[in-house]
Amino acid sequence: MRIWHPLAALVGLACASATAAPLSLQQIMNFETLKDPVIADNGQWVAYVAQPDRGEPRGLVRGLDGGLWQVERGVEPQLSANGAYALFERKAPLWKQENAGKKKAAKMDVDRILVNTATGEQRVFEAVTKADFSADGRFLMLSFKAEEVDKEKGEEADEAAIDADKLGSRALLLDLNSGTELALESVTQFALARDANVLVYATSHQDGVANGVTLRYLDTGQDTVLWQRQDWGAATLAISESGGAVAFTTAYLKPGEAHQLIHELWLSQGPRPADALPLPEDGMLVTEHSKLHFSRDGQRLFVGRQLPLPKEGVIRDLKTDGDLQDMEVLLSRVELNVWHGDDPRIKTNEINQYSKARKHNYVGVWHLEDKRFVQLADARVPDVEVGDNARYLLASSDKPYLKMISWAGFYKDWYLVDMDSGERRLLVTQSGSNDQPSLSPLDDAVAWYVRGQLHQYDIASGSTTQVAGGPKAGFANEDHDYPSPAPGYGFGPWLSDGSGVLVYDKFDIWRLDGSGKLNALTQGRADNWQYRVIDTDERSDLVDAATPLLVHGYNDFDKREGVYHLTGASLKPAQQGEYKLSFVAKAEDADTLLFKKQRYDLYPDLLVTGSQVKSLKPVSRLGDQLKELEWGQAQLVHWRSNDGKPLSGVVITPPGYKGDNPLPTLVYFYRFMSQRLHNFPQMALNHRPNFAQYVNDGYAVFLPDIRFEVGHPGQSSLASMLPGVQQVIDMGIAKQDAIGIQGHSWAGYQDAYLITQTDLFAAAVSGAPVSNMTSAYGGIRLGTGLTRQFQYESGQSRIGKTLMEAPHLYIENSPIFHVDRIDTPLVIMFGDEDDAVPYPQGIELYMAMRRAAKPVVMLQYEGEPHHLKKYPNKLDYSIKMKQFFDHYLKGAEAPKWWSEGVPYLKSKAEE
């Protein structure tokens, strides 16, 4: 960490505060958040993780009819289909991981813990690389980490031997009913069928003999060798859901220095030896990066292939004096990237995408019944959305728009691809990244929204209908305030009787039928209710039109939520109230659903119900943590911006607060925040203030909505913010001379700008802000390698013009050009390896304020990206942020890092 200080001590102003029981940092660290819930297929058991902000997690398994088991350090829960067993991962203790560092920690052994849900008995399997249950939950297959070979102590390496990284390791197959075990050796990979007790696994031995692929019927123990070949091995393995077909790729394991190792493709149908599948000689290759996937009905095998790749350069070592002037050796050591004006991608983005591009799968399909292969993707149309349709799929290409990513963002052309022939039909050009077309699972239609218009395409006739009617406001996102085409609200499921697809506007659900006509199924707009179909079946995009649909409702004005049953155009409530209600999961083979209900003062525990959602029964009990704590309350506030736009926000006040005295108030914001009215606060230390910590220490926290105007993001933020803060002052909640503001990234920019325009805030903290749009405009986002031009011209910064077209707008909206107006003390926070906002943006703002003798400190966290990742840094920032606001908003003594600065002192590792 580096602290940049203006060397000016400042005196804070005293202010009164409400009294409440403060939350200690240790209480926040120990507070457990519920994560990764799963439910057994039979709906009888639920597993989840209780994760403290700092410390070791607990894996929990709870039976809906009783029974609770705990697994220390258990994460990533799995449940057998019958719920009889749960499986958790267990990583090394956190302190060991952090001592080892990120790269070494990633290589540490991961154990699996098997829990018998009837007895609670736990069994530990060490150093497991993969584990999975069979379809009915009777069997468990585990593969283990290979033992490391000490090359220095071992025998001389056999040049003809197979490389260690291509050898298999031990595996174990458990029959959980009988307790019997089958030990397997030299297993490289395995796969279990989803709907049948069938296992397939590949082996690779030290001597290369008996390398092969074996199919095992688990119920009978019958093994069939599908393929076997000395010194060869399988690279990719796939099994159909029924277990009736297996596909794999194989390659020679002693290729020397093969540039791009070519693999063979094999298929076995039934328990029969595999046959090699011929592929067209079109220049594409099956390689170690090829992916295989069966359709759900097992009739099609999707095969990913790669294009031939140029051989990578080799940097030659200097070995003799003669090499010092050897032209070939010297030129091999040149480190150069050539940026050409006509390159599709700028070089940094090309480098960022390099590995992904070299592994890209160009999808083709094997029709198993017809025994023929059809290539679907190629260099011109590289991406296919693999799905379970019988005849058609969607494909896309961003190739025409790669160059314009730099300033306009991301666009694609979309095609309909015929899997029988490979024929493509162009459907839509230059579709935005949020406007993917929706293909009917019945292969009869495609619907899409682009540039303000809803379209429907009839596949049989090849005709496109531009859909008329619908809501007066249209289907465009009504809150879109960017200088780019507004996306739509998307599509719901298709109707299984072929009568159409469900379409969303801001509030309602519409049925778009095959003739292009729209019918409203809900009437939410009049009362600000937004309705969306709840997807309870991830495996299907079809719903039965005759069966009531489960629908989620959200009131955009007062933030109530609920669950409803929609039959035709009749909507009936099942649950509704002043809380947030979220669907979590449905048991695959039972009428059992999981939800979460939450408010600021209600922990989002798991709740179980049936499809009628008549009652919600608690499952988890992590909300018990609140019993020993005082907790605040949240309320909704409405106001109008200075330009007349209706806005809302959330005010959180301390436990027992009656409104009898104004409070020091912290403003936290980004864009829209009022939808968080019923959110339980995130109990963590990170780059934002912990709401509960501040509220329980006598602060009010205000979360205002912001609406933006293209070309003037700074002034429109001001126009939204100031009347909102004034509303909270007028309500008697906020103390006018004790209001602070904190934001990060886009909000960090906003609060840095706001303090150049108003003295309303007594203190401000700005995390990772853009301070100078003119210098940031052409900068590179390290995380993607993209230039930031698109950020300003069409993205979040909303300038809408190039720097050359409108330099005055870039200057108007840049805090650095208005630093002379700042009177608010400011803390700037940056990670010096920020991968989104260039770290020098913080230095520019710091230097400008320092030069103008303004009160500023910059916290530079070393080696950190856009959001702090290292917990000591999160803790330090949280402490300093609280000390800073306590000083200016509550009259506490100024911390020395603020009043005096901190001299540089190098740290070293503990010996």
Foldseek 3Di string as FASTA:
>chain_A
DAKFFLQFFDFFDFDDFDAFFFDDPVLLQAAWAWDDWDAALARFKIWIWTDGQHFAIKIWMAGPVGAIEIDTSFDDKDAANVRQKIKTKHADGPVVLVVLDPVVSVVGAIKMWIAGRVPRDIDIGIAWDDWDAAQRRQKIKTAHDADDDDCVPDDPDDLPWFDPVQWAAKMKMARNVVGDIDIDGGWPDKDHANHAGKIKTFGADRQQAFTFIWIARVVVRDIATQDGDGQKTWQEWDAANHRQKIKTWMFRRNPDPDQFTAIWIWMDGHSHHIDTADDDPPQWGQGSLKYWDAANVRQKIKIFTFHDDDGDQDQDDDDDPVLVPDPVNVVSNDDDDDADPPDLAGPLLCVLCVVVNRSQTQIKMQRVVVSDIGGQADPQFRAWDDHNAPFKTKTKDQSVPSNVCQAANGFIWMWIATNVHSDIDTDDGGADPPWDWDAASPRAKIWTDGQQWIKIAGVVVRDIDTADDDDPVGQFAPQDAWLHRGGGPDWAAAEPVQQATWGAHQAFIWGQGPVRDIDTLEDCPVQQKHKDFDDQDPRHRYDHLQAWTWIKIARPPQGKIFIWTGRRSDTGTQDIDPWDKAWDHANNNDQKTWIFTFAQLRRGFIWIDGPSNNDTHGTDDSSVSCVVGAFWAKHKDWDAFQVGHIWIKIKIAAGPDDLPAAHQEEEEEAAHHRNCRGPHFNSHQWQDARQRSQRSRRYMYMYIHFGAHFLCRQVSRLRRPPVVVVRCVVSRHHDQQRYEYEYAENVLLNVLSNLLPDPRHQAYERELHQQQCVVQLQDAQQNSRHRCNNCRCGHDVRNVDGCVVCVVSRLNSHSLNRLLSGAHAYEYEYECAARGHHPCSSVSNSVSNSVSVHQYMYHYHYPAYRIGDDVVVSVVVNVQVVLVSCCHNNVDDRDCCRRRNDDDDDDDDDD
